[in-house]
Amino acid sequence: PILLVWGRHDKSIPVDHGQQMHKILKSSHLEILDPAGHCPNYEQSEKFNQVATCFLTSEM
């Protein structure tokens, strides 16, 4: 399983790239954080930690 976390306002690697990766990687889960840019783990740290914890505990 793969967790993809993207910032909706990422100007370096736009969110449509994350959506394309999600389509290619069949076992992936895409979470788009808003508002966030290129570093959603810093910009939305509480939400990121919640998403990551939920993903890790449900997939293990």
PDB file of N, CA and C in Angstrom:
ATOM      1  N   PRO A   1       0.819  -1.199   0.000  1.00  0.00           N
ATOM      2  CA  PRO A   1       0.000   0.000   0.000  1.00  0.00           C
ATOM      3  C   PRO A   1       0.862   1.262   0.000  1.00  0.00           C
ATOM      4  N   ILE A   2       0.373   2.278  -0.677  1.00  0.00           N
ATOM      5  CA  ILE A   2       1.110   3.532  -0.828  1.00  0.00           C
ATOM      6  C   ILE A   2       0.193   4.690  -0.451  1.00  0.00           C
ATOM      7  N   LEU A   3       0.694   5.573   0.403  1.00  0.00           N
ATOM      8  CA  LEU A   3      -0.039   6.783   0.756  1.00  0.00           C
ATOM      9  C   LEU A   3       0.597   7.964   0.034  1.00  0.00           C
ATOM     10  N   LEU A   4      -0.184   8.634  -0.794  1.00  0.00           N
ATOM     11  CA  LEU A   4       0.246   9.851  -1.469  1.00  0.00           C
ATOM     12  C   LEU A   4      -0.447  11.024  -0.786  1.00  0.00           C
ATOM     13  N   VAL A   5       0.330  11.967  -0.286  1.00  0.00           N
ATOM     14  CA  VAL A   5      -0.238  13.153   0.350  1.00  0.00           C
ATOM     15  C   VAL A   5       0.219  14.362  -0.453  1.00  0.00           C
ATOM     16  N   TRP A   6      -0.752  15.121  -0.939  1.00  0.00           N
ATOM     17  CA  TRP A   6      -0.456  16.248  -1.818  1.00  0.00           C
ATOM     18  C   TRP A   6      -1.069  17.519  -1.263  1.00  0.00           C
ATOM     19  N   GLY A   7      -0.399  18.623  -1.486  1.00  0.00           N
ATOM     20  CA  GLY A   7      -0.966  19.925  -1.166  1.00  0.00           C
ATOM     21  C   GLY A   7      -1.728  20.459  -2.371  1.00  0.00           C
ATOM     22  N   ARG A   8      -2.947  20.869  -2.162  1.00  0.00           N
ATOM     23  CA  ARG A   8      -3.779  21.338  -3.282  1.00  0.00           C
ATOM     24  C   ARG A   8      -3.129  22.503  -4.030  1.00  0.00           C
ATOM     25  N   HIS A   9      -2.344  23.321  -3.337  1.00  0.00           N
ATOM     26  CA  HIS A   9      -1.768  24.517  -3.950  1.00  0.00           C
ATOM     27  C   HIS A   9      -0.270  24.365  -4.219  1.00  0.00           C
ATOM     28  N   ASP A  10       0.189  23.130  -4.423  1.00  0.00           N
ATOM     29  CA  ASP A  10       1.604  22.870  -4.713  1.00  0.00           C
ATOM     30  C   ASP A  10       1.940  23.432  -6.095  1.00  0.00           C
ATOM     31  N   LYS A  11       2.838  24.414  -6.134  1.00  0.00           N
ATOM     32  CA  LYS A  11       3.239  25.017  -7.407  1.00  0.00           C
ATOM     33  C   LYS A  11       4.429  24.290  -8.027  1.00  0.00           C
ATOM     34  N   SER A  12       5.179  23.536  -7.219  1.00  0.00           N
ATOM     35  CA  SER A  12       6.335  22.801  -7.729  1.00  0.00           C
ATOM     36  C   SER A  12       5.907  21.536  -8.464  1.00  0.00           C
ATOM     37  N   ILE A  13       5.004  20.787  -7.847  1.00  0.00           N
ATOM     38  CA  ILE A  13       4.476  19.553  -8.442  1.00  0.00           C
ATOM     39  C   ILE A  13       2.957  19.607  -8.279  1.00  0.00           C
ATOM     40  N   PRO A  14       2.255  20.110  -9.280  1.00  0.00           N
ATOM     41  CA  PRO A  14       0.809  20.321  -9.166  1.00  0.00           C
ATOM     42  C   PRO A  14       0.031  19.056  -8.810  1.00  0.00           C
ATOM     43  N   VAL A  15      -1.118  19.273  -8.207  1.00  0.00           N
ATOM     44  CA  VAL A  15      -1.945  18.186  -7.696  1.00  0.00           C
ATOM     45  C   VAL A  15      -2.352  17.200  -8.794  1.00  0.00           C
ATOM     46  N   ASP A  16      -2.439  17.638 -10.037  1.00  0.00           N
ATOM     47  CA  ASP A  16      -2.805  16.692 -11.097  1.00  0.00           C
ATOM     48  C   ASP A  16      -1.741  15.613 -11.283  1.00  0.00           C
ATOM     49  N   HIS A  17      -0.495  15.898 -10.926  1.00  0.00           N
ATOM     50  CA  HIS A  17       0.544  14.861 -10.958  1.00  0.00           C
ATOM     51  C   HIS A  17       0.239  13.779  -9.919  1.00  0.00           C
ATOM     52  N   GLY A  18      -0.196  14.201  -8.751  1.00  0.00           N
ATOM     53  CA  GLY A  18      -0.578  13.241  -7.717  1.00  0.00           C
ATOM     54  C   GLY A  18      -1.753  12.392  -8.153  1.00  0.00           C
ATOM     55  N   GLN A  19      -2.703  13.008  -8.828  1.00  0.00           N
ATOM     56  CA  GLN A  19      -3.864  12.269  -9.321  1.00  0.00           C
ATOM     57  C   GLN A  19      -3.455  11.255 -10.381  1.00  0.00           C
ATOM     58  N   GLN A  20      -2.505  11.619 -11.234  1.00  0.00           N
ATOM     59  CA  GLN A  20      -1.996  10.683 -12.238  1.00  0.00           C
ATOM     60  C   GLN A  20      -1.254   9.524 -11.579  1.00  0.00           C
ATOM     61  N   MET A  21      -0.428   9.825 -10.581  1.00  0.00           N
ATOM     62  CA  MET A  21       0.287   8.763  -9.865  1.00  0.00           C
ATOM     63  C   MET A  21      -0.697   7.806  -9.206  1.00  0.00           C
ATOM     64  N   HIS A  22      -1.735   8.363  -8.624  1.00  0.00           N
ATOM     65  CA  HIS A  22      -2.750   7.554  -7.952  1.00  0.00           C
ATOM     66  C   HIS A  22      -3.425   6.592  -8.936  1.00  0.00           C
ATOM     67  N   LYS A  23      -3.673   7.031 -10.151  1.00  0.00           N
ATOM     68  CA  LYS A  23      -4.280   6.168 -11.170  1.00  0.00           C
ATOM     69  C   LYS A  23      -3.338   5.042 -11.581  1.00  0.00           C
ATOM     70  N   ILE A  24      -2.047   5.350 -11.650  1.00  0.00           N
ATOM     71  CA  ILE A  24      -1.049   4.360 -12.068  1.00  0.00           C
ATOM     72  C   ILE A  24      -0.771   3.348 -10.959  1.00  0.00           C
ATOM     73  N   LEU A  25      -0.663   3.830  -9.731  1.00  0.00           N
ATOM     74  CA  LEU A  25      -0.336   2.974  -8.587  1.00  0.00           C
ATOM     75  C   LEU A  25      -1.637   2.443  -7.981  1.00  0.00           C
ATOM     76  N   LYS A  26      -2.043   1.283  -8.411  1.00  0.00           N
ATOM     77  CA  LYS A  26      -3.356   0.736  -8.062  1.00  0.00           C
ATOM     78  C   LYS A  26      -3.562   0.549  -6.563  1.00  0.00           C
ATOM     79  N   SER A  27      -2.499   0.302  -5.824  1.00  0.00           N
ATOM     80  CA  SER A  27      -2.650   0.074  -4.381  1.00  0.00           C
ATOM     81  C   SER A  27      -2.468   1.359  -3.573  1.00  0.00           C
ATOM     82  N   SER A  28      -2.575   2.503  -4.237  1.00  0.00           N
ATOM     83  CA  SER A  28      -2.324   3.768  -3.542  1.00  0.00           C
ATOM     84  C   SER A  28      -3.604   4.408  -3.024  1.00  0.00           C
ATOM     85  N   HIS A  29      -3.403   5.291  -2.053  1.00  0.00           N
ATOM     86  CA  HIS A  29      -4.475   6.137  -1.523  1.00  0.00           C
ATOM     87  C   HIS A  29      -3.974   7.570  -1.629  1.00  0.00           C
ATOM     88  N   LEU A  30      -4.773   8.449  -2.234  1.00  0.00           N
ATOM     89  CA  LEU A  30      -4.389   9.848  -2.400  1.00  0.00           C
ATOM     90  C   LEU A  30      -5.181  10.716  -1.444  1.00  0.00           C
ATOM     91  N   GLU A  31      -4.467  11.502  -0.668  1.00  0.00           N
ATOM     92  CA  GLU A  31      -5.077  12.474   0.235  1.00  0.00           C
ATOM     93  C   GLU A  31      -4.575  13.855  -0.178  1.00  0.00           C
ATOM     94  N   ILE A  32      -5.494  14.748  -0.493  1.00  0.00           N
ATOM     95  CA  ILE A  32      -5.143  16.108  -0.895  1.00  0.00           C
ATOM     96  C   ILE A  32      -5.471  17.045   0.258  1.00  0.00           C
ATOM     97  N   LEU A  33      -4.446  17.727   0.768  1.00  0.00           N
ATOM     98  CA  LEU A  33      -4.637  18.637   1.893  1.00  0.00           C
ATOM     99  C   LEU A  33      -4.809  20.067   1.390  1.00  0.00           C
ATOM    100  N   ASP A  34      -5.799  20.736   1.945  1.00  0.00           N
ATOM    101  CA  ASP A  34      -6.124  22.097   1.541  1.00  0.00           C
ATOM    102  C   ASP A  34      -6.494  22.896   2.785  1.00  0.00           C
ATOM    103  N   PRO A  35      -5.837  23.987   3.065  1.00  0.00           N
ATOM    104  CA  PRO A  35      -4.825  24.631   2.240  1.00  0.00           C
ATOM    105  C   PRO A  35      -3.434  24.080   2.541  1.00  0.00           C
ATOM    106  N   ALA A  36      -2.709  23.796   1.522  1.00  0.00           N
ATOM    107  CA  ALA A  36      -1.316  23.368   1.652  1.00  0.00           C
ATOM    108  C   ALA A  36      -0.653  23.493   0.291  1.00  0.00           C
ATOM    109  N   GLY A  37       0.663  23.676   0.324  1.00  0.00           N
ATOM    110  CA  GLY A  37       1.442  23.774  -0.898  1.00  0.00           C
ATOM    111  C   GLY A  37       2.342  22.563  -1.047  1.00  0.00           C
ATOM    112  N   HIS A  38       3.627  22.816  -1.273  1.00  0.00           N
ATOM    113  CA  HIS A  38       4.580  21.747  -1.559  1.00  0.00           C
ATOM    114  C   HIS A  38       4.955  20.917  -0.328  1.00  0.00           C
ATOM    115  N   CYS A  39       4.758  21.428   0.864  1.00  0.00           N
ATOM    116  CA  CYS A  39       5.142  20.716   2.093  1.00  0.00           C
ATOM    117  C   CYS A  39       3.936  20.535   3.012  1.00  0.00           C
ATOM    118  N   PRO A  40       2.967  19.725   2.605  1.00  0.00           N
ATOM    119  CA  PRO A  40       1.762  19.588   3.427  1.00  0.00           C
ATOM    120  C   PRO A  40       2.040  19.010   4.812  1.00  0.00           C
ATOM    121  N   ASN A  41       3.114  18.235   4.944  1.00  0.00           N
ATOM    122  CA  ASN A  41       3.442  17.678   6.257  1.00  0.00           C
ATOM    123  C   ASN A  41       3.853  18.768   7.250  1.00  0.00           C
ATOM    124  N   TYR A  42       4.366  19.894   6.774  1.00  0.00           N
ATOM    125  CA  TYR A  42       4.678  21.038   7.640  1.00  0.00           C
ATOM    126  C   TYR A  42       3.511  22.018   7.725  1.00  0.00           C
ATOM    127  N   GLU A  43       2.894  22.284   6.581  1.00  0.00           N
ATOM    128  CA  GLU A  43       1.846  23.300   6.518  1.00  0.00           C
ATOM    129  C   GLU A  43       0.550  22.861   7.203  1.00  0.00           C
ATOM    130  N   GLN A  44       0.283  21.585   7.169  1.00  0.00           N
ATOM    131  CA  GLN A  44      -0.914  21.012   7.798  1.00  0.00           C
ATOM    132  C   GLN A  44      -0.489  19.804   8.633  1.00  0.00           C
ATOM    133  N   SER A  45       0.439  20.018   9.565  1.00  0.00           N
ATOM    134  CA  SER A  45       1.059  18.901  10.292  1.00  0.00           C
ATOM    135  C   SER A  45       0.053  18.059  11.073  1.00  0.00           C
ATOM    136  N   GLU A  46      -0.912  18.672  11.712  1.00  0.00           N
ATOM    137  CA  GLU A  46      -1.890  17.885  12.479  1.00  0.00           C
ATOM    138  C   GLU A  46      -2.727  17.009  11.559  1.00  0.00           C
ATOM    139  N   LYS A  47      -3.210  17.576  10.468  1.00  0.00           N
ATOM    140  CA  LYS A  47      -4.006  16.796   9.512  1.00  0.00           C
ATOM    141  C   LYS A  47      -3.149  15.714   8.873  1.00  0.00           C
ATOM    142  N   PHE A  48      -1.904  16.053   8.510  1.00  0.00           N
ATOM    143  CA  PHE A  48      -0.997  15.070   7.926  1.00  0.00           C
ATOM    144  C   PHE A  48      -0.783  13.903   8.883  1.00  0.00           C
ATOM    145  N   ASN A  49      -0.513  14.201  10.146  1.00  0.00           N
ATOM    146  CA  ASN A  49      -0.296  13.140  11.133  1.00  0.00           C
ATOM    147  C   ASN A  49      -1.538  12.279  11.302  1.00  0.00           C
ATOM    148  N   GLN A  50      -2.704  12.890  11.279  1.00  0.00           N
ATOM    149  CA  GLN A  50      -3.959  12.145  11.385  1.00  0.00           C
ATOM    150  C   GLN A  50      -4.126  11.202  10.189  1.00  0.00           C
ATOM    151  N   VAL A  51      -3.889  11.704   8.995  1.00  0.00           N
ATOM    152  CA  VAL A  51      -4.017  10.898   7.775  1.00  0.00           C
ATOM    153  C   VAL A  51      -3.010   9.752   7.786  1.00  0.00           C
ATOM    154  N   ALA A  52      -1.755  10.055   8.117  1.00  0.00           N
ATOM    155  CA  ALA A  52      -0.708   9.031   8.130  1.00  0.00           C
ATOM    156  C   ALA A  52      -0.979   7.965   9.187  1.00  0.00           C
ATOM    157  N   THR A  53      -1.389   8.378  10.367  1.00  0.00           N
ATOM    158  CA  THR A  53      -1.687   7.418  11.436  1.00  0.00           C
ATOM    159  C   THR A  53      -2.842   6.516  11.048  1.00  0.00           C
ATOM    160  N   CYS A  54      -3.888   7.088  10.506  1.00  0.00           N
ATOM    161  CA  CYS A  54      -5.044   6.302  10.071  1.00  0.00           C
ATOM    162  C   CYS A  54      -4.635   5.301   8.994  1.00  0.00           C
ATOM    163  N   PHE A  55      -3.858   5.746   8.024  1.00  0.00           N
ATOM    164  CA  PHE A  55      -3.401   4.875   6.942  1.00  0.00           C
ATOM    165  C   PHE A  55      -2.550   3.731   7.484  1.00  0.00           C
ATOM    166  N   LEU A  56      -1.588   4.061   8.332  1.00  0.00           N
ATOM    167  CA  LEU A  56      -0.678   3.037   8.854  1.00  0.00           C
ATOM    168  C   LEU A  56      -1.389   2.028   9.745  1.00  0.00           C
ATOM    169  N   THR A  57      -2.318   2.471  10.545  1.00  0.00           N
ATOM    170  CA  THR A  57      -3.001   1.530  11.437  1.00  0.00           C
ATOM    171  C   THR A  57      -4.029   0.687  10.693  1.00  0.00           C
ATOM    172  N   SER A  58      -4.586   1.199   9.610  1.00  0.00           N
ATOM    173  CA  SER A  58      -5.579   0.416   8.870  1.00  0.00           C
ATOM    174  C   SER A  58      -4.941  -0.550   7.886  1.00  0.00           C
ATOM    175  N   GLU A  59      -3.734  -0.283   7.456  1.00  0.00           N
ATOM    176  CA  GLU A  59      -3.080  -1.118   6.454  1.00  0.00           C
ATOM    177  C   GLU A  59      -2.179  -2.190   7.051  1.00  0.00           C
ATOM    178  N   MET A  60      -1.860  -2.079   8.323  1.00  0.00           N
ATOM    179  CA  MET A  60      -0.901  -3.023   8.913  1.00  0.00           C
ATOM    180  C   MET A  60      -1.589  -4.209   9.524  1.00  0.00           C
TER     181      MET A  60
END
